[in-house]
Amino acid sequence: MTEHPDFLDSAQETLKEIVQPFQKELNQQLKKAEFIKLCIRLAGRDDFLGLDEQLKTKIASDIAEDEALAGCAATFESLKEYAAEKVERYRLEFIDDLTRLCQEAEIEIEIDANKFSSTKGITGTFDFANRQTTINKKVLKSIDPRRIVTAIQQQKRFLYDRPYDPIKFIDGLLKTYRDILKENSGKMGDKVAMQQFYISHVISLQSAPFLLNMDKSRFKGYTLDQFSVDLWRYYQSEVEATSDGYRLDLTGGRNKALWLLDTNGEVKQMSSISFEPVN
């Protein structure tokens, strides 16, 4: 009996080289089998949204081209055509229902494929395959038009049904800007990174008790969406400058930027903020 460690090491390496391709092929076949089982389940409950999504994947194409799984190609193609037809009909009905419900609720909405926009500052996407809607990055686990309308209404109230004074708002931004300049020995007109400014402004809104002990229950939230909408409302107001005559200036760019509504109501990357005296 050979007891050489070198022999044992060599035997292990040889067996590994033999089994690796076999294991890789086995894993691929198992994945294909699980995918076919998934399609069987989706077809069994007439989940045309799920079928449409799954039959567009690479693994579906790989199975259709696999000679060992002859017959899948024709079946997949039939299911794909069936699902695509039902999905198109469903989406048209979905868009009609959602548009009608929004009109009844006096809510603006524009739908483009799987994306939509509503009142300024409210956007979202539909994920039909996973039965969920995303509104301002918040996930609603439903694609029911009525629930979507309710969620849009809630978001609109959250963003717009707050006390708002454009002069108080712009004066507050100027105060934050001046505080940052003071800390960094800057001068009026210097650009401040937008990310830094937003964080500093949120902190400036907090109460003394919160800043003293950082009690979460006393934290005053101010989301980026709220900030963006407040900027838009300022642009739409008749106020053109701060109380002491300084004009807001936002600079577009990617460095340390935030996505914010601009003066045209378009969401753009804003990299810095500054204030200039009105001439």
C-alpha atoms as a PDB file:
ATOM      1  CA  MET A   1       0.000   0.000   0.000  1.00  0.00           C
ATOM      2  CA  THR A   2       1.360   3.362  -1.008  1.00  0.00           C
ATOM      3  CA  GLU A   3       1.444   5.880   1.844  1.00  0.00           C
ATOM      4  CA  HIS A   4       3.299   8.665   0.116  1.00  0.00           C
ATOM      5  CA  PRO A   5       1.698  12.112   0.882  1.00  0.00           C
ATOM      6  CA  ASP A   6       2.711  13.154  -2.653  1.00  0.00           C
ATOM      7  CA  PHE A   7       0.645  10.304  -4.053  1.00  0.00           C
ATOM      8  CA  LEU A   8      -2.405  11.326  -2.045  1.00  0.00           C
ATOM      9  CA  ASP A   9      -2.082  14.959  -3.111  1.00  0.00           C
ATOM     10  CA  SER A  10      -1.802  13.899  -6.733  1.00  0.00           C
ATOM     11  CA  ALA A  11      -4.865  11.642  -6.433  1.00  0.00           C
ATOM     12  CA  GLN A  12      -6.925  14.497  -4.980  1.00  0.00           C
ATOM     13  CA  GLU A  13      -5.958  16.865  -7.759  1.00  0.00           C
ATOM     14  CA  THR A  14      -6.760  14.279 -10.437  1.00  0.00           C
ATOM     15  CA  LEU A  15     -10.195  13.583  -8.981  1.00  0.00           C
ATOM     16  CA  LYS A  16     -10.925  17.310  -8.661  1.00  0.00           C
ATOM     17  CA  GLU A  17     -10.085  17.824 -12.330  1.00  0.00           C
ATOM     18  CA  ILE A  18     -12.440  14.969 -13.245  1.00  0.00           C
ATOM     19  CA  VAL A  19     -15.376  16.041 -11.080  1.00  0.00           C
ATOM     20  CA  GLN A  20     -15.317  19.818 -11.674  1.00  0.00           C
ATOM     21  CA  PRO A  21     -16.611  19.782 -15.279  1.00  0.00           C
ATOM     22  CA  PHE A  22     -19.164  17.113 -14.317  1.00  0.00           C
ATOM     23  CA  GLN A  23     -20.316  19.144 -11.286  1.00  0.00           C
ATOM     24  CA  LYS A  24     -20.534  22.304 -13.383  1.00  0.00           C
ATOM     25  CA  GLU A  25     -22.705  20.551 -15.976  1.00  0.00           C
ATOM     26  CA  LEU A  26     -24.855  19.021 -13.235  1.00  0.00           C
ATOM     27  CA  ASN A  27     -25.411  22.423 -11.600  1.00  0.00           C
ATOM     28  CA  GLN A  28     -26.436  23.921 -14.944  1.00  0.00           C
ATOM     29  CA  GLN A  29     -28.903  21.106 -15.571  1.00  0.00           C
ATOM     30  CA  LEU A  30     -30.366  21.496 -12.077  1.00  0.00           C
ATOM     31  CA  LYS A  31     -30.860  25.227 -12.689  1.00  0.00           C
ATOM     32  CA  LYS A  32     -32.626  24.467 -15.955  1.00  0.00           C
ATOM     33  CA  ALA A  33     -34.830  21.894 -14.258  1.00  0.00           C
ATOM     34  CA  GLU A  34     -35.794  24.399 -11.530  1.00  0.00           C
ATOM     35  CA  PHE A  35     -36.570  26.994 -14.181  1.00  0.00           C
ATOM     36  CA  ILE A  36     -38.849  24.594 -16.073  1.00  0.00           C
ATOM     37  CA  LYS A  37     -40.629  23.754 -12.804  1.00  0.00           C
ATOM     38  CA  LEU A  38     -41.098  27.481 -12.193  1.00  0.00           C
ATOM     39  CA  CYS A  39     -42.676  27.883 -15.626  1.00  0.00           C
ATOM     40  CA  ILE A  40     -44.988  24.944 -14.890  1.00  0.00           C
ATOM     41  CA  ARG A  41     -46.145  26.642 -11.676  1.00  0.00           C
ATOM     42  CA  LEU A  42     -46.643  30.010 -13.404  1.00  0.00           C
ATOM     43  CA  ALA A  43     -48.642  28.383 -16.219  1.00  0.00           C
ATOM     44  CA  GLY A  44     -50.665  26.423 -13.668  1.00  0.00           C
ATOM     45  CA  ARG A  45     -51.979  29.606 -12.055  1.00  0.00           C
ATOM     46  CA  ASP A  46     -52.146  31.548 -15.337  1.00  0.00           C
ATOM     47  CA  ASP A  47     -49.534  34.000 -14.103  1.00  0.00           C
ATOM     48  CA  PHE A  48     -48.978  35.620 -17.482  1.00  0.00           C
ATOM     49  CA  LEU A  49     -47.027  38.510 -15.924  1.00  0.00           C
ATOM     50  CA  GLY A  50     -44.538  36.102 -14.386  1.00  0.00           C
ATOM     51  CA  LEU A  51     -44.313  34.020 -17.557  1.00  0.00           C
ATOM     52  CA  ASP A  52     -43.685  37.086 -19.675  1.00  0.00           C
ATOM     53  CA  GLU A  53     -40.852  38.152 -17.385  1.00  0.00           C
ATOM     54  CA  GLN A  54     -39.226  34.725 -17.040  1.00  0.00           C
ATOM     55  CA  LEU A  55     -39.391  33.722 -20.697  1.00  0.00           C
ATOM     56  CA  LYS A  56     -37.333  36.769 -21.646  1.00  0.00           C
ATOM     57  CA  THR A  57     -34.366  35.655 -19.540  1.00  0.00           C
ATOM     58  CA  LYS A  58     -31.092  34.133 -20.743  1.00  0.00           C
ATOM     59  CA  ILE A  59     -31.776  30.800 -19.081  1.00  0.00           C
ATOM     60  CA  ALA A  60     -35.000  30.478 -21.089  1.00  0.00           C
ATOM     61  CA  SER A  61     -32.976  30.967 -24.289  1.00  0.00           C
ATOM     62  CA  ASP A  62     -30.368  28.452 -23.118  1.00  0.00           C
ATOM     63  CA  ILE A  63     -33.022  25.810 -22.463  1.00  0.00           C
ATOM     64  CA  ALA A  64     -34.666  26.410 -25.847  1.00  0.00           C
ATOM     65  CA  GLU A  65     -31.305  25.764 -27.521  1.00  0.00           C
ATOM     66  CA  ASP A  66     -30.514  22.672 -25.424  1.00  0.00           C
ATOM     67  CA  GLU A  67     -30.840  19.560 -27.588  1.00  0.00           C
ATOM     68  CA  ALA A  68     -31.288  17.435 -24.473  1.00  0.00           C
ATOM     69  CA  LEU A  69     -34.470  19.382 -23.731  1.00  0.00           C
ATOM     70  CA  ALA A  70     -36.039  19.129 -27.164  1.00  0.00           C
ATOM     71  CA  GLY A  71     -39.633  20.251 -27.094  1.00  0.00           C
ATOM     72  CA  CYS A  72     -39.097  23.095 -24.661  1.00  0.00           C
ATOM     73  CA  ALA A  73     -38.406  25.581 -27.464  1.00  0.00           C
ATOM     74  CA  ALA A  74     -41.821  25.201 -29.097  1.00  0.00           C
ATOM     75  CA  THR A  75     -43.625  25.168 -25.747  1.00  0.00           C
ATOM     76  CA  PHE A  76     -41.742  28.218 -24.521  1.00  0.00           C
ATOM     77  CA  GLU A  77     -42.533  30.085 -27.727  1.00  0.00           C
ATOM     78  CA  SER A  78     -46.254  29.314 -27.386  1.00  0.00           C
ATOM     79  CA  LEU A  79     -46.255  30.420 -23.754  1.00  0.00           C
ATOM     80  CA  LYS A  80     -44.287  33.541 -24.658  1.00  0.00           C
ATOM     81  CA  GLU A  81     -46.788  34.606 -27.317  1.00  0.00           C
ATOM     82  CA  TYR A  82     -49.725  33.876 -25.014  1.00  0.00           C
ATOM     83  CA  ALA A  83     -48.187  35.798 -22.097  1.00  0.00           C
ATOM     84  CA  ALA A  84     -47.142  38.778 -24.240  1.00  0.00           C
ATOM     85  CA  GLU A  85     -50.662  39.154 -25.636  1.00  0.00           C
ATOM     86  CA  LYS A  86     -52.262  39.014 -22.191  1.00  0.00           C
ATOM     87  CA  VAL A  87     -49.673  41.373 -20.690  1.00  0.00           C
ATOM     88  CA  GLU A  88     -50.294  43.972 -23.389  1.00  0.00           C
ATOM     89  CA  ARG A  89     -54.057  43.776 -22.853  1.00  0.00           C
ATOM     90  CA  TYR A  90     -53.583  43.962 -19.070  1.00  0.00           C
ATOM     91  CA  ARG A  91     -51.287  46.991 -19.282  1.00  0.00           C
ATOM     92  CA  LEU A  92     -53.694  48.900 -21.503  1.00  0.00           C
ATOM     93  CA  GLU A  93     -56.533  48.200 -19.070  1.00  0.00           C
ATOM     94  CA  PHE A  94     -54.270  49.078 -16.141  1.00  0.00           C
ATOM     95  CA  ILE A  95     -53.292  52.425 -17.679  1.00  0.00           C
ATOM     96  CA  ASP A  96     -56.927  53.239 -18.493  1.00  0.00           C
ATOM     97  CA  ASP A  97     -58.051  52.408 -14.949  1.00  0.00           C
ATOM     98  CA  LEU A  98     -55.220  54.313 -13.280  1.00  0.00           C
ATOM     99  CA  THR A  99     -55.700  57.372 -15.508  1.00  0.00           C
ATOM    100  CA  ARG A 100     -59.444  57.397 -14.841  1.00  0.00           C
ATOM    101  CA  LEU A 101     -59.016  57.030 -11.075  1.00  0.00           C
ATOM    102  CA  CYS A 102     -56.437  59.820 -11.007  1.00  0.00           C
ATOM    103  CA  GLN A 103     -58.767  62.118 -12.926  1.00  0.00           C
ATOM    104  CA  GLU A 104     -61.570  61.340 -10.480  1.00  0.00           C
ATOM    105  CA  ALA A 105     -59.222  62.142  -7.575  1.00  0.00           C
ATOM    106  CA  GLU A 106     -57.981  65.297  -9.373  1.00  0.00           C
ATOM    107  CA  ILE A 107     -54.416  64.001  -9.431  1.00  0.00           C
ATOM    108  CA  GLU A 108     -52.014  64.701 -12.286  1.00  0.00           C
ATOM    109  CA  ILE A 109     -50.385  61.671 -13.846  1.00  0.00           C
ATOM    110  CA  GLU A 110     -48.254  60.949 -16.904  1.00  0.00           C
ATOM    111  CA  ILE A 111     -47.474  57.334 -17.761  1.00  0.00           C
ATOM    112  CA  ASP A 112     -44.604  56.247 -19.993  1.00  0.00           C
ATOM    113  CA  ALA A 113     -44.206  52.470 -20.261  1.00  0.00           C
ATOM    114  CA  ASN A 114     -43.406  51.287 -16.707  1.00  0.00           C
ATOM    115  CA  LYS A 115     -42.690  54.771 -15.353  1.00  0.00           C
ATOM    116  CA  PHE A 116     -44.999  57.547 -14.215  1.00  0.00           C
ATOM    117  CA  SER A 117     -44.864  61.066 -12.849  1.00  0.00           C
ATOM    118  CA  SER A 118     -47.486  62.963 -10.922  1.00  0.00           C
ATOM    119  CA  THR A 119     -47.403  66.291  -9.073  1.00  0.00           C
ATOM    120  CA  LYS A 120     -43.910  67.817  -9.136  1.00  0.00           C
ATOM    121  CA  GLY A 121     -41.649  65.781  -6.896  1.00  0.00           C
ATOM    122  CA  ILE A 122     -43.629  62.545  -7.237  1.00  0.00           C
ATOM    123  CA  THR A 123     -42.398  59.834  -9.590  1.00  0.00           C
ATOM    124  CA  GLY A 124     -42.590  56.071  -9.676  1.00  0.00           C
ATOM    125  CA  THR A 125     -42.286  52.793 -11.526  1.00  0.00           C
ATOM    126  CA  PHE A 126     -44.476  49.730 -12.010  1.00  0.00           C
ATOM    127  CA  ASP A 127     -43.003  46.261 -11.568  1.00  0.00           C
ATOM    128  CA  PHE A 128     -45.747  44.047 -12.968  1.00  0.00           C
ATOM    129  CA  ALA A 129     -43.853  40.772 -12.659  1.00  0.00           C
ATOM    130  CA  ASN A 130     -43.286  41.279  -8.915  1.00  0.00           C
ATOM    131  CA  ARG A 131     -46.662  42.959  -8.302  1.00  0.00           C
ATOM    132  CA  GLN A 132     -45.237  46.106  -6.804  1.00  0.00           C
ATOM    133  CA  THR A 133     -45.111  49.850  -7.400  1.00  0.00           C
ATOM    134  CA  THR A 134     -42.331  52.186  -6.312  1.00  0.00           C
ATOM    135  CA  ILE A 135     -43.308  55.765  -5.485  1.00  0.00           C
ATOM    136  CA  ASN A 136     -40.435  58.102  -4.572  1.00  0.00           C
ATOM    137  CA  LYS A 137     -38.335  55.032  -3.669  1.00  0.00           C
ATOM    138  CA  LYS A 138     -41.037  53.709  -1.330  1.00  0.00           C
ATOM    139  CA  VAL A 139     -42.237  50.244  -2.310  1.00  0.00           C
ATOM    140  CA  LEU A 140     -45.952  49.485  -2.428  1.00  0.00           C
ATOM    141  CA  LYS A 141     -46.448  45.735  -2.722  1.00  0.00           C
ATOM    142  CA  SER A 142     -49.354  46.079  -5.102  1.00  0.00           C
ATOM    143  CA  ILE A 143     -50.207  47.100  -8.656  1.00  0.00           C
ATOM    144  CA  ASP A 144     -53.861  47.743  -7.817  1.00  0.00           C
ATOM    145  CA  PRO A 145     -54.693  51.140  -9.411  1.00  0.00           C
ATOM    146  CA  ARG A 146     -56.836  52.155  -6.423  1.00  0.00           C
ATOM    147  CA  ARG A 147     -54.040  51.491  -3.958  1.00  0.00           C
ATOM    148  CA  ILE A 148     -51.595  53.346  -6.204  1.00  0.00           C
ATOM    149  CA  VAL A 149     -53.864  56.406  -6.272  1.00  0.00           C
ATOM    150  CA  THR A 150     -54.146  56.303  -2.478  1.00  0.00           C
ATOM    151  CA  ALA A 151     -50.357  56.074  -2.158  1.00  0.00           C
ATOM    152  CA  ILE A 152     -49.881  59.040  -4.510  1.00  0.00           C
ATOM    153  CA  GLN A 153     -52.386  61.072  -2.480  1.00  0.00           C
ATOM    154  CA  GLN A 154     -50.507  60.237   0.723  1.00  0.00           C
ATOM    155  CA  GLN A 155     -47.201  61.276  -0.838  1.00  0.00           C
ATOM    156  CA  LYS A 156     -48.729  64.502  -2.128  1.00  0.00           C
ATOM    157  CA  ARG A 157     -50.041  65.366   1.353  1.00  0.00           C
ATOM    158  CA  PHE A 158     -46.635  64.546   2.843  1.00  0.00           C
ATOM    159  CA  LEU A 159     -44.856  66.873   0.435  1.00  0.00           C
ATOM    160  CA  TYR A 160     -47.344  69.710   0.019  1.00  0.00           C
ATOM    161  CA  ASP A 161     -49.704  69.835   3.015  1.00  0.00           C
ATOM    162  CA  ARG A 162     -47.141  71.523   5.251  1.00  0.00           C
ATOM    163  CA  PRO A 163     -46.895  75.161   6.320  1.00  0.00           C
ATOM    164  CA  TYR A 164     -44.807  76.871   3.681  1.00  0.00           C
ATOM    165  CA  ASP A 165     -43.585  80.449   3.427  1.00  0.00           C
ATOM    166  CA  PRO A 166     -41.164  81.058   0.518  1.00  0.00           C
ATOM    167  CA  ILE A 167     -39.474  83.996   2.271  1.00  0.00           C
ATOM    168  CA  LYS A 168     -38.967  82.027   5.489  1.00  0.00           C
ATOM    169  CA  PHE A 169     -37.701  79.091   3.430  1.00  0.00           C
ATOM    170  CA  ILE A 170     -35.108  81.018   1.398  1.00  0.00           C
ATOM    171  CA  ASP A 171     -33.976  82.993   4.458  1.00  0.00           C
ATOM    172  CA  GLY A 172     -33.450  79.677   6.243  1.00  0.00           C
ATOM    173  CA  LEU A 173     -31.281  78.395   3.391  1.00  0.00           C
ATOM    174  CA  LEU A 174     -29.234  81.586   3.498  1.00  0.00           C
ATOM    175  CA  LYS A 175     -28.658  81.193   7.251  1.00  0.00           C
ATOM    176  CA  THR A 176     -27.372  77.637   6.741  1.00  0.00           C
ATOM    177  CA  TYR A 177     -25.162  78.844   3.901  1.00  0.00           C
ATOM    178  CA  ARG A 178     -23.694  81.623   6.047  1.00  0.00           C
ATOM    179  CA  ASP A 179     -23.077  79.232   8.944  1.00  0.00           C
ATOM    180  CA  ILE A 180     -21.092  76.911   6.635  1.00  0.00           C
ATOM    181  CA  LEU A 181     -19.059  79.825   5.261  1.00  0.00           C
ATOM    182  CA  LYS A 182     -18.292  80.986   8.804  1.00  0.00           C
ATOM    183  CA  GLU A 183     -17.063  77.522   9.805  1.00  0.00           C
ATOM    184  CA  ASN A 184     -14.834  77.330   6.721  1.00  0.00           C
ATOM    185  CA  SER A 185     -13.664  80.961   6.558  1.00  0.00           C
ATOM    186  CA  GLY A 186     -15.498  81.406   3.276  1.00  0.00           C
ATOM    187  CA  LYS A 187     -16.994  84.487   1.691  1.00  0.00           C
ATOM    188  CA  MET A 188     -20.389  85.242   0.152  1.00  0.00           C
ATOM    189  CA  GLY A 189     -20.626  83.810  -3.322  1.00  0.00           C
ATOM    190  CA  ASP A 190     -18.460  80.780  -2.566  1.00  0.00           C
ATOM    191  CA  LYS A 191     -19.980  77.505  -3.718  1.00  0.00           C
ATOM    192  CA  VAL A 192     -20.897  74.920  -1.057  1.00  0.00           C
ATOM    193  CA  ALA A 193     -21.228  71.222  -1.929  1.00  0.00           C
ATOM    194  CA  MET A 194     -24.902  70.330  -2.118  1.00  0.00           C
ATOM    195  CA  GLN A 195     -24.615  67.155  -0.049  1.00  0.00           C
ATOM    196  CA  GLN A 196     -22.835  69.031   2.731  1.00  0.00           C
ATOM    197  CA  PHE A 197     -25.377  71.840   2.586  1.00  0.00           C
ATOM    198  CA  TYR A 198     -28.395  69.520   2.812  1.00  0.00           C
ATOM    199  CA  ILE A 199     -27.033  67.689   5.870  1.00  0.00           C
ATOM    200  CA  SER A 200     -26.193  70.989   7.581  1.00  0.00           C
ATOM    201  CA  HIS A 201     -29.643  72.371   6.804  1.00  0.00           C
ATOM    202  CA  VAL A 202     -31.396  69.320   8.268  1.00  0.00           C
ATOM    203  CA  ILE A 203     -29.319  69.720  11.438  1.00  0.00           C
ATOM    204  CA  SER A 204     -30.225  73.425  11.595  1.00  0.00           C
ATOM    205  CA  LEU A 205     -33.910  72.477  11.745  1.00  0.00           C
ATOM    206  CA  GLN A 206     -33.485  70.432  14.913  1.00  0.00           C
ATOM    207  CA  SER A 207     -34.527  71.620  18.345  1.00  0.00           C
ATOM    208  CA  ALA A 208     -32.084  72.335  21.182  1.00  0.00           C
ATOM    209  CA  PRO A 209     -33.330  69.327  23.230  1.00  0.00           C
ATOM    210  CA  PHE A 210     -32.599  66.990  20.302  1.00  0.00           C
ATOM    211  CA  LEU A 211     -29.116  68.398  19.746  1.00  0.00           C
ATOM    212  CA  LEU A 212     -28.459  68.044  23.475  1.00  0.00           C
ATOM    213  CA  ASN A 213     -29.187  64.335  23.845  1.00  0.00           C
ATOM    214  CA  MET A 214     -29.947  63.103  20.293  1.00  0.00           C
ATOM    215  CA  ASP A 215     -33.315  61.695  21.320  1.00  0.00           C
ATOM    216  CA  LYS A 216     -34.687  60.079  18.134  1.00  0.00           C
ATOM    217  CA  SER A 217     -38.263  60.841  19.166  1.00  0.00           C
ATOM    218  CA  ARG A 218     -37.470  64.563  18.907  1.00  0.00           C
ATOM    219  CA  PHE A 219     -35.818  64.407  15.498  1.00  0.00           C
ATOM    220  CA  LYS A 220     -37.511  66.616  12.908  1.00  0.00           C
ATOM    221  CA  GLY A 221     -37.345  64.787   9.612  1.00  0.00           C
ATOM    222  CA  TYR A 222     -36.786  66.683   6.390  1.00  0.00           C
ATOM    223  CA  THR A 223     -36.451  64.356   3.450  1.00  0.00           C
ATOM    224  CA  LEU A 224     -34.661  65.069   0.214  1.00  0.00           C
ATOM    225  CA  ASP A 225     -38.035  64.921  -1.562  1.00  0.00           C
ATOM    226  CA  GLN A 226     -39.389  67.610   0.771  1.00  0.00           C
ATOM    227  CA  PHE A 227     -36.325  69.769   0.162  1.00  0.00           C
ATOM    228  CA  SER A 228     -36.687  69.352  -3.602  1.00  0.00           C
ATOM    229  CA  VAL A 229     -40.391  70.249  -3.556  1.00  0.00           C
ATOM    230  CA  ASP A 230     -39.750  73.258  -1.297  1.00  0.00           C
ATOM    231  CA  LEU A 231     -37.230  74.511  -3.845  1.00  0.00           C
ATOM    232  CA  TRP A 232     -39.802  74.060  -6.608  1.00  0.00           C
ATOM    233  CA  ARG A 233     -42.442  75.936  -4.615  1.00  0.00           C
ATOM    234  CA  TYR A 234     -39.937  78.739  -4.086  1.00  0.00           C
ATOM    235  CA  TYR A 235     -39.260  78.918  -7.837  1.00  0.00           C
ATOM    236  CA  GLN A 236     -43.007  79.127  -8.450  1.00  0.00           C
ATOM    237  CA  SER A 237     -43.522  81.906  -5.932  1.00  0.00           C
ATOM    238  CA  GLU A 238     -43.119  85.625  -6.582  1.00  0.00           C
ATOM    239  CA  VAL A 239     -40.178  85.806  -4.190  1.00  0.00           C
ATOM    240  CA  GLU A 240     -36.920  86.356  -6.059  1.00  0.00           C
ATOM    241  CA  ALA A 241     -34.419  86.854  -3.234  1.00  0.00           C
ATOM    242  CA  THR A 242     -33.870  86.692   0.506  1.00  0.00           C
ATOM    243  CA  SER A 243     -35.093  89.398   2.852  1.00  0.00           C
ATOM    244  CA  ASP A 244     -31.704  91.103   2.729  1.00  0.00           C
ATOM    245  CA  GLY A 245     -31.300  90.866  -1.051  1.00  0.00           C
ATOM    246  CA  TYR A 246     -29.440  87.678  -1.916  1.00  0.00           C
ATOM    247  CA  ARG A 247     -30.324  85.477  -4.873  1.00  0.00           C
ATOM    248  CA  LEU A 248     -30.125  81.670  -4.734  1.00  0.00           C
ATOM    249  CA  ASP A 249     -27.866  79.962  -7.265  1.00  0.00           C
ATOM    250  CA  LEU A 250     -27.678  76.185  -7.752  1.00  0.00           C
ATOM    251  CA  THR A 251     -24.961  74.716  -9.956  1.00  0.00           C
ATOM    252  CA  GLY A 252     -25.482  71.520 -11.914  1.00  0.00           C
ATOM    253  CA  GLY A 253     -22.913  68.734 -11.828  1.00  0.00           C
ATOM    254  CA  ARG A 254     -22.164  65.261 -10.491  1.00  0.00           C
ATOM    255  CA  ASN A 255     -19.591  65.870  -7.771  1.00  0.00           C
ATOM    256  CA  LYS A 256     -21.223  65.580  -4.308  1.00  0.00           C
ATOM    257  CA  ALA A 257     -24.541  66.221  -6.033  1.00  0.00           C
ATOM    258  CA  LEU A 258     -28.183  65.648  -5.151  1.00  0.00           C
ATOM    259  CA  TRP A 259     -31.110  65.074  -7.507  1.00  0.00           C
ATOM    260  CA  LEU A 260     -33.355  68.138  -7.178  1.00  0.00           C
ATOM    261  CA  LEU A 261     -36.078  69.939  -9.097  1.00  0.00           C
ATOM    262  CA  ASP A 262     -34.756  72.852 -11.107  1.00  0.00           C
ATOM    263  CA  THR A 263     -36.512  76.063 -12.154  1.00  0.00           C
ATOM    264  CA  ASN A 264     -38.146  74.225 -15.078  1.00  0.00           C
ATOM    265  CA  GLY A 265     -39.511  71.463 -12.889  1.00  0.00           C
ATOM    266  CA  GLU A 266     -37.015  68.908 -14.185  1.00  0.00           C
ATOM    267  CA  VAL A 267     -35.068  66.686 -11.803  1.00  0.00           C
ATOM    268  CA  LYS A 268     -31.370  67.409 -12.269  1.00  0.00           C
ATOM    269  CA  GLN A 269     -28.132  66.731 -10.418  1.00  0.00           C
ATOM    270  CA  MET A 270     -27.154  69.818  -8.431  1.00  0.00           C
ATOM    271  CA  SER A 271     -23.595  69.820  -7.129  1.00  0.00           C
ATOM    272  CA  SER A 272     -23.380  73.115  -5.255  1.00  0.00           C
ATOM    273  CA  ILE A 273     -25.289  76.042  -3.811  1.00  0.00           C
ATOM    274  CA  SER A 274     -24.381  79.696  -3.352  1.00  0.00           C
ATOM    275  CA  PHE A 275     -25.958  83.096  -2.803  1.00  0.00           C
ATOM    276  CA  GLU A 276     -25.131  86.239  -4.731  1.00  0.00           C
ATOM    277  CA  PRO A 277     -26.269  89.807  -4.018  1.00  0.00           C
ATOM    278  CA  VAL A 278     -29.031  91.072  -6.278  1.00  0.00           C
ATOM    279  CA  ASN A 279     -27.615  93.776  -8.516  1.00  0.00           C
END
